[in-house]
């Protein structure tokens, strides 16, 4: 499980995310000796790591496989159940769906997490809210009946373009998979008339057997397809651990015109400087392979926007800093073309509306230049 700048291992111990470096797939290394004998080798592509591992079962650390929730050949009952759940690991058998045309979005869109310390509605052409905040964790049902209720809850203008983002921690995503989607949640989102919904970003960890990765990739594709089939404009989230993972995504996208938009998050793992360039290179190649027709939604990785933009029809940056910094009483400035954050002088109990509006407007200015 990923938490901020640390990674939780299978024993629940925290360690810096950089400690996963020996587990990163590297194309110039020889694949693990046991990979070619695996029945899922053609789909997985094998794992090449700078570590003494015979195959990906090296990453199985459970003391009792029967009680483990990570699919692995050491627990064939769970592995079969996970495979049946998603109709195999192949992306090719995800049912085709309709092509939903995209609408242009601003270059930067602020994320609103709540209405705390705010009294007024944010003035912005577009705003984003998290998918996880829209459904009940207990029932999986939608929390809001109308767009107006949603706008009142997060305090934005109802006529702003609405983007719903599926990027989240693991637990809310698992609840979405197990409860929300079973309650027709994608259909319910139509009431909000969102400009775009990004599919959940089920994690692809570097320290687990590969079947867990394959399961996550298939779930991402299935959730995206369900959203598009429901009538939503949806963005396919791209998570990958190996070169083969990126190749599989590229083949899936090239063969389907209905994939109009992709989302990527430079969070823990992908955001590590030693690894981020690998992801950037693959994203640029993906954009080129699709003829530059895709829209790219980016969370994090502000420094890569200039590199990525020429390879896509449009690049949109999801801005979480404006809100988080405003709540911490920070005001944004621009120095040498980069954001800087200074302490703001406010009264005790004063709302952060003015700070938030300033930060959002300044961020928009930065990305329009």
Protein backbone atom coordinates (compact mmCIF):
# COMPACT_ATOMS: atom_id res chain seq x y z
CA UNK A 1 0.00 0.00 0.00
CA UNK A 2 1.31 3.44 -0.91
CA UNK A 3 1.12 6.18 1.68
CA UNK A 4 2.61 9.56 0.77
CA UNK A 5 6.38 9.27 0.32
CA UNK A 6 6.63 5.83 1.86
CA UNK A 7 5.64 2.33 0.84
CA UNK A 8 4.05 -0.15 3.21
CA UNK A 9 5.52 -3.60 2.76
CA UNK A 10 3.68 -6.91 3.21
CA UNK A 11 4.49 -6.89 6.92
CA UNK A 12 3.02 -3.43 7.43
CA UNK A 13 6.41 -1.74 7.86
CA UNK A 14 7.02 1.64 6.24
CA UNK A 15 10.03 2.37 4.07
CA UNK A 16 10.99 5.15 1.62
CA UNK A 17 9.51 4.70 -1.85
CA UNK A 18 13.03 4.81 -3.34
CA UNK A 19 13.76 1.49 -1.61
CA UNK A 20 11.65 -0.13 -4.35
CA UNK A 21 14.34 0.72 -6.92
CA UNK A 22 15.81 -2.82 -7.04
CA UNK A 23 12.29 -4.06 -7.85
CA UNK A 24 11.79 -1.74 -10.84
CA UNK A 25 11.52 -3.50 -14.19
CA UNK A 26 14.46 -2.62 -16.44
CA UNK A 27 14.45 -3.57 -20.10
CA UNK A 28 18.25 -3.98 -20.30
CA UNK A 29 18.29 -6.76 -17.70
CA UNK A 30 17.77 -10.47 -18.30
CA UNK A 31 14.23 -11.56 -17.32
CA UNK A 32 13.86 -13.72 -14.25
CA UNK A 33 14.75 -17.32 -15.06
CA UNK A 34 11.34 -18.67 -14.11
CA UNK A 35 9.29 -16.24 -16.18
CA UNK A 36 9.28 -18.10 -19.50
CA UNK A 37 7.90 -21.21 -17.82
CA UNK A 38 4.88 -19.32 -16.51
CA UNK A 39 1.52 -19.86 -18.18
CA UNK A 40 0.87 -16.11 -18.15
CA UNK A 41 4.21 -15.13 -19.69
CA UNK A 42 2.73 -13.98 -23.01
CA UNK A 43 0.36 -11.60 -21.24
CA UNK A 44 2.75 -10.49 -18.50
CA UNK A 45 5.91 -10.26 -20.59
CA UNK A 46 8.09 -11.33 -17.69
CA UNK A 47 9.90 -9.34 -15.06
CA UNK A 48 13.49 -8.09 -15.27
CA UNK A 49 14.70 -6.71 -11.96
CA UNK A 50 18.07 -5.88 -10.45
CA UNK A 51 17.48 -8.44 -7.73
CA UNK A 52 18.03 -12.15 -7.20
CA UNK A 53 14.51 -13.38 -7.94
CA UNK A 54 13.63 -16.60 -9.79
CA UNK A 55 10.19 -15.26 -10.69
CA UNK A 56 7.59 -12.87 -9.31
CA UNK A 57 6.59 -15.29 -6.54
CA UNK A 58 9.69 -13.91 -4.82
CA UNK A 59 7.43 -11.05 -3.80
CA UNK A 60 5.01 -13.34 -1.99
CA UNK A 61 5.70 -12.67 1.69
CA UNK A 62 2.52 -14.04 3.29
CA UNK A 63 2.88 -16.63 6.05
CA UNK A 64 -0.45 -18.26 5.18
CA UNK A 65 -1.31 -18.14 1.45
CA UNK A 66 -4.88 -19.26 2.20
CA UNK A 67 -5.47 -15.98 4.07
CA UNK A 68 -3.68 -13.68 1.62
CA UNK A 69 -5.71 -11.28 -0.54
CA UNK A 70 -3.08 -10.94 -3.28
CA UNK A 71 -3.62 -13.33 -6.22
CA UNK A 72 -0.72 -15.74 -6.58
CA UNK A 73 -0.11 -19.35 -7.67
CA UNK A 74 0.45 -20.21 -4.01
CA UNK A 75 -3.26 -19.65 -3.52
CA UNK A 76 -4.84 -21.08 -6.65
CA UNK A 77 -8.40 -20.67 -5.35
CA UNK A 78 -7.96 -16.90 -5.00
CA UNK A 79 -6.05 -16.66 -8.26
CA UNK A 80 -8.82 -18.40 -10.14
CA UNK A 81 -11.46 -16.26 -8.44
CA UNK A 82 -9.65 -13.04 -9.40
CA UNK A 83 -9.21 -14.25 -12.97
CA UNK A 84 -12.86 -15.24 -13.28
CA UNK A 85 -13.91 -11.92 -11.75
CA UNK A 86 -12.43 -10.01 -14.69
CA UNK A 87 -12.80 -12.69 -17.39
CA UNK A 88 -9.08 -13.33 -17.69
CA UNK A 89 -6.14 -10.96 -17.80
CA UNK A 90 -6.45 -10.10 -21.51
CA UNK A 91 -7.52 -6.56 -22.38
CA UNK A 92 -8.69 -7.65 -25.82
CA UNK A 93 -11.92 -9.18 -24.49
CA UNK A 94 -13.11 -5.98 -22.84
CA UNK A 95 -16.38 -5.33 -24.71
CA UNK A 96 -16.35 -2.52 -27.27
CA UNK A 97 -18.40 0.55 -26.56
CA UNK A 98 -19.48 3.80 -28.19
CA UNK A 99 -17.27 6.74 -29.09
CA UNK A 100 -18.09 9.75 -26.90
CA UNK A 101 -16.72 12.99 -28.25
CA UNK A 102 -14.64 15.04 -25.86
CA UNK A 103 -15.19 18.65 -24.89
CA UNK A 104 -12.25 21.09 -24.60
CA UNK A 105 -11.09 21.69 -21.04
CA UNK A 106 -8.99 24.46 -19.50
CA UNK A 107 -5.25 23.82 -19.30
CA UNK A 108 -5.45 23.61 -15.51
CA UNK A 109 -8.36 22.52 -13.32
CA UNK A 110 -8.41 22.95 -9.52
CA UNK A 111 -9.41 20.01 -7.34
CA UNK A 112 -11.85 20.79 -4.51
CA UNK A 113 -11.61 18.36 -1.60
CA UNK A 114 -14.29 19.88 0.68
CA UNK A 115 -15.86 23.17 1.74
CA UNK A 116 -13.98 23.54 5.03
CA UNK A 117 -12.93 27.10 5.93
CA UNK A 118 -14.85 28.42 2.93
CA UNK A 119 -17.99 30.54 2.63
CA UNK A 120 -18.12 31.48 -1.06
CA UNK A 121 -18.27 29.58 -4.33
CA UNK A 122 -15.04 29.24 -6.27
CA UNK A 123 -15.09 31.07 -9.60
CA UNK A 124 -13.42 28.81 -12.16
CA UNK A 125 -14.29 27.67 -15.69
CA UNK A 126 -13.86 24.09 -14.51
CA UNK A 127 -13.40 22.28 -11.21
CA UNK A 128 -12.61 18.70 -10.23
CA UNK A 129 -13.91 16.56 -7.39
CA UNK A 130 -12.87 13.07 -6.36
CA UNK A 131 -14.94 10.05 -7.28
CA UNK A 132 -14.38 8.66 -3.78
CA UNK A 133 -16.25 11.63 -2.26
CA UNK A 134 -19.41 10.99 -4.26
CA UNK A 135 -20.49 7.58 -2.96
CA UNK A 136 -21.20 6.07 0.44
CA UNK A 137 -18.50 3.68 1.59
CA UNK A 138 -21.15 1.62 3.39
CA UNK A 139 -23.71 1.29 0.63
CA UNK A 140 -21.89 2.34 -2.53
CA UNK A 141 -24.78 4.65 -3.41
CA UNK A 142 -24.51 8.21 -4.67
CA UNK A 143 -24.44 10.85 -1.91
CA UNK A 144 -25.94 13.65 -3.99
CA UNK A 145 -29.13 13.71 -6.02
CA UNK A 146 -28.41 16.72 -8.24
CA UNK A 147 -25.57 18.80 -9.60
CA UNK A 148 -26.80 21.71 -7.48
CA UNK A 149 -26.39 19.65 -4.30
CA UNK A 150 -22.88 18.73 -5.38
CA UNK A 151 -22.05 22.37 -6.12
CA UNK A 152 -23.41 23.40 -2.72
CA UNK A 153 -21.36 20.74 -0.96
CA UNK A 154 -18.06 21.71 -2.59
CA UNK A 155 -18.94 25.38 -3.12
CA UNK A 156 -18.38 25.92 -6.81
CA UNK A 157 -20.51 27.58 -9.47
CA UNK A 158 -23.00 25.02 -10.86
CA UNK A 159 -22.29 26.13 -14.43
CA UNK A 160 -18.56 25.32 -14.15
CA UNK A 161 -17.34 22.34 -16.14
CA UNK A 162 -17.16 19.35 -13.82
CA UNK A 163 -14.40 16.73 -13.90
CA UNK A 164 -14.70 13.70 -11.60
CA UNK A 165 -11.34 12.06 -10.89
CA UNK A 166 -10.89 8.40 -9.99
CA UNK A 167 -7.34 8.83 -8.64
CA UNK A 168 -7.40 7.77 -5.01
CA UNK A 169 -5.91 5.64 -2.25
CA UNK A 170 -6.51 1.90 -2.48
CA UNK A 171 -9.32 1.40 0.04
CA UNK A 172 -11.84 3.78 -1.61
CA UNK A 173 -11.07 2.22 -4.98
CA UNK A 174 -11.70 -1.27 -3.65
CA UNK A 175 -15.00 -0.05 -2.21
CA UNK A 176 -15.88 1.43 -5.59
CA UNK A 177 -15.17 -1.93 -7.24
CA UNK A 178 -17.05 -3.97 -4.66
CA UNK A 179 -20.01 -1.71 -3.89
CA UNK A 180 -20.47 1.44 -5.98
CA UNK A 181 -20.28 -0.06 -9.46
CA UNK A 182 -22.61 -2.87 -8.38
CA UNK A 183 -25.22 -0.20 -7.58
CA UNK A 184 -25.20 1.30 -11.08
CA UNK A 185 -22.94 4.15 -9.97
CA UNK A 186 -21.71 5.11 -13.46
CA UNK A 187 -25.33 5.60 -14.57
CA UNK A 188 -25.99 7.75 -11.50
CA UNK A 189 -23.15 10.12 -12.43
CA UNK A 190 -25.06 11.21 -15.53
CA UNK A 191 -27.21 13.40 -13.29
CA UNK A 192 -24.18 15.64 -12.71
CA UNK A 193 -23.51 16.13 -16.44
CA UNK A 194 -19.74 15.90 -15.97
CA UNK A 195 -17.46 17.08 -18.74
CA UNK A 196 -15.19 14.13 -17.98
CA UNK A 197 -14.79 11.24 -15.52
CA UNK A 198 -11.42 9.54 -15.06
CA UNK A 199 -11.42 5.81 -14.38
CA UNK A 200 -10.15 4.46 -11.02
CA UNK A 201 -6.37 4.00 -10.85
CA UNK A 202 -6.08 0.57 -9.25
CA UNK A 203 -2.47 0.26 -8.11
CA UNK A 204 0.31 -1.63 -9.84
CA UNK A 205 2.77 -2.26 -7.04
CA UNK A 206 6.41 -3.17 -7.64
CA UNK A 207 6.65 -5.55 -4.68
CA UNK A 208 3.84 -8.03 -5.37
CA UNK A 209 3.43 -11.06 -7.67
CA UNK A 210 2.53 -9.98 -11.17
CA UNK A 211 -0.98 -11.45 -11.10
CA UNK A 212 -2.02 -8.60 -8.83
CA UNK A 213 -0.81 -6.14 -11.50
CA UNK A 214 -2.68 -7.96 -14.26
CA UNK A 215 -5.85 -7.94 -12.16
CA UNK A 216 -5.54 -4.19 -11.57
CA UNK A 217 -4.97 -3.40 -15.23
CA UNK A 218 -8.04 -5.38 -16.28
CA UNK A 219 -10.17 -3.67 -13.62
CA UNK A 220 -9.07 -0.25 -14.84
CA UNK A 221 -10.12 -1.14 -18.38
CA UNK A 222 -13.45 -2.61 -17.26
CA UNK A 223 -14.36 0.38 -15.08
CA UNK A 224 -13.48 2.78 -17.89
CA UNK A 225 -15.63 0.80 -20.31
CA UNK A 226 -18.58 0.76 -17.89
CA UNK A 227 -18.39 4.54 -17.60
CA UNK A 228 -18.34 5.08 -21.35
CA UNK A 229 -21.14 2.58 -21.87
CA UNK A 230 -23.24 4.48 -19.31
CA UNK A 231 -22.98 7.58 -21.51
CA UNK A 232 -20.13 9.36 -19.75
CA UNK A 233 -17.06 10.90 -21.34
CA UNK A 234 -14.41 8.87 -19.56
CA UNK A 235 -10.63 8.96 -19.42
CA UNK A 236 -8.70 5.68 -19.26
CA UNK A 237 -6.16 5.68 -16.44
CA UNK A 238 -2.74 4.31 -17.37
CA UNK A 239 -0.82 2.40 -14.69
CA UNK A 240 2.16 0.25 -15.67
CA UNK A 241 4.99 -1.64 -14.01
CA UNK A 242 6.84 -2.96 -17.06
CA UNK A 243 7.49 -2.13 -20.71
CA UNK A 244 5.05 -4.89 -21.62
CA UNK A 245 2.33 -3.19 -19.57
CA UNK A 246 2.77 -0.02 -21.61
CA UNK A 247 2.80 -2.06 -24.81
CA UNK A 248 -0.49 -3.71 -23.84
CA UNK A 249 -2.10 -0.34 -23.10
CA UNK A 250 -0.86 1.03 -26.43
CA UNK A 251 -2.30 -1.92 -28.37
CA UNK A 252 -5.61 -1.56 -26.54
CA UNK A 253 -5.85 2.18 -27.23
CA UNK A 254 -4.72 2.05 -30.86
CA UNK A 255 -7.36 -0.55 -31.66
CA UNK A 256 -10.21 1.44 -30.06
CA UNK A 257 -11.39 4.84 -31.22
CA UNK A 258 -13.58 5.01 -28.14
CA UNK A 259 -10.46 5.73 -26.06
CA UNK A 260 -10.35 9.50 -26.46
CA UNK A 261 -8.56 10.47 -23.25
CA UNK A 262 -5.99 8.98 -20.88
CA UNK A 263 -5.03 9.92 -17.33
CA UNK A 264 -1.70 9.53 -15.57
CA UNK A 265 -0.63 10.30 -12.02
CA UNK A 266 2.91 11.20 -11.03
CA UNK A 267 2.43 10.23 -7.41
CA UNK A 268 4.51 8.02 -5.16
CA UNK A 269 6.54 5.69 -7.36
CA UNK A 270 6.02 7.39 -10.72
CA UNK A 271 6.94 10.71 -9.13
CA UNK A 272 10.40 9.55 -8.02
CA UNK A 273 12.90 11.39 -10.26
CA UNK A 274 14.84 8.20 -10.96
CA UNK A 275 11.68 6.56 -12.34
CA UNK A 276 9.53 9.41 -13.66
CA UNK A 277 11.49 9.80 -16.89
CA UNK A 278 10.79 6.16 -17.77
CA UNK A 279 7.06 6.89 -17.52
CA UNK A 280 7.40 10.16 -19.46
CA UNK A 281 9.19 8.40 -22.34
CA UNK A 282 6.46 5.75 -22.52
CA UNK A 283 3.69 8.36 -22.42
CA UNK A 284 5.33 10.35 -25.23
CA UNK A 285 5.64 7.17 -27.29
CA UNK A 286 2.00 6.32 -26.60
CA UNK A 287 0.90 9.77 -27.71
CA UNK A 288 2.90 9.44 -30.93
CA UNK A 289 1.65 5.93 -31.64
CA UNK A 290 -1.95 7.18 -31.46
CA UNK A 291 -1.21 10.03 -33.85
CA UNK A 292 -1.50 12.72 -31.19
CA UNK A 293 -5.29 12.30 -31.05
CA UNK A 294 -5.54 11.69 -27.30
CA UNK A 295 -6.34 14.08 -24.52
CA UNK A 296 -3.95 13.72 -21.56
CA UNK A 297 -5.13 14.35 -18.01
CA UNK A 298 -2.20 14.76 -15.65
CA UNK A 299 -2.19 14.67 -11.86
CA UNK A 300 1.19 15.67 -10.53
CA UNK A 301 4.26 15.98 -12.72
CA UNK A 302 3.82 19.67 -13.43
CA UNK A 303 7.45 19.78 -14.61
CA UNK A 304 6.68 17.34 -17.44
CA UNK A 305 3.80 19.24 -19.03
CA UNK A 306 6.04 20.97 -21.56
CA UNK A 307 7.58 17.66 -22.63
CA UNK A 308 4.30 15.78 -22.88
CA UNK A 309 2.03 18.38 -24.49
CA UNK A 310 3.40 18.15 -28.07
CA UNK A 311 2.49 14.45 -28.18
CA UNK A 312 -1.21 14.90 -27.35
CA UNK A 313 -4.22 16.77 -28.67
CA UNK A 314 -4.55 18.49 -25.30
CA UNK A 315 -2.82 18.24 -21.93
CA UNK A 316 -4.79 19.15 -18.81
CA UNK A 317 -3.18 19.56 -15.39
CA UNK A 318 -5.22 18.71 -12.28
CA UNK A 319 -4.24 21.24 -9.65
CA UNK A 320 -4.43 19.99 -6.05
CA UNK A 321 -1.97 22.54 -4.64
CA UNK A 322 -4.23 25.60 -4.89
CA UNK A 323 -6.73 24.11 -2.43
CA UNK A 324 -4.28 22.37 -0.10
CA UNK A 325 -2.03 25.42 0.17
CA UNK A 326 -4.96 27.77 0.72
CA UNK A 327 -6.19 25.66 3.63
CA UNK A 328 -2.65 25.89 5.06
CA UNK A 329 -2.79 29.69 4.61
CA UNK A 330 -0.30 29.79 1.75
CA UNK A 331 -0.44 32.17 -1.20
CA UNK A 332 0.94 31.36 -4.64
CA UNK A 333 3.39 33.45 -6.61
CA UNK A 334 5.37 32.85 -9.80
CA UNK A 335 9.14 33.24 -9.88
CA UNK A 336 11.26 32.27 -12.86
CA UNK A 337 8.24 30.54 -14.36
CA UNK A 338 7.73 28.26 -11.35
CA UNK A 339 5.20 28.33 -8.49
CA UNK A 340 6.33 29.53 -5.08
CA UNK A 341 4.31 29.52 -1.89
CA UNK A 342 4.50 32.18 0.81
CA UNK A 343 2.75 32.46 4.15
CA UNK A 344 -0.43 34.54 4.03
CA UNK A 345 -1.43 36.82 6.87
CA UNK A 346 -5.04 36.10 7.87
CA UNK A 347 -7.25 36.66 10.87
CA UNK A 348 -8.06 33.84 13.25
CA UNK A 349 -11.01 31.92 11.81
CA UNK A 350 -10.97 33.88 8.55
CA UNK A 351 -12.20 31.95 5.50
CA UNK A 352 -9.70 30.92 2.86
CA UNK A 353 -11.94 31.88 -0.07
CA UNK A 354 -9.75 34.80 -1.20
CA UNK A 355 -6.58 32.70 -0.91
CA UNK A 356 -8.12 29.84 -2.86
CA UNK A 357 -9.39 32.14 -5.61
CA UNK A 358 -5.99 33.82 -5.88
CA UNK A 359 -4.15 30.49 -6.01
CA UNK A 360 -6.50 29.08 -8.65
CA UNK A 361 -6.24 32.21 -10.81
CA UNK A 362 -2.44 32.29 -10.49
CA UNK A 363 -2.15 28.61 -11.38
CA UNK A 364 -4.29 29.20 -14.46
CA UNK A 365 -2.02 32.10 -15.43
CA UNK A 366 1.06 29.93 -15.01
CA UNK A 367 -0.26 27.23 -17.33
CA UNK A 368 -1.54 29.64 -19.93
CA UNK A 369 1.90 31.20 -20.40
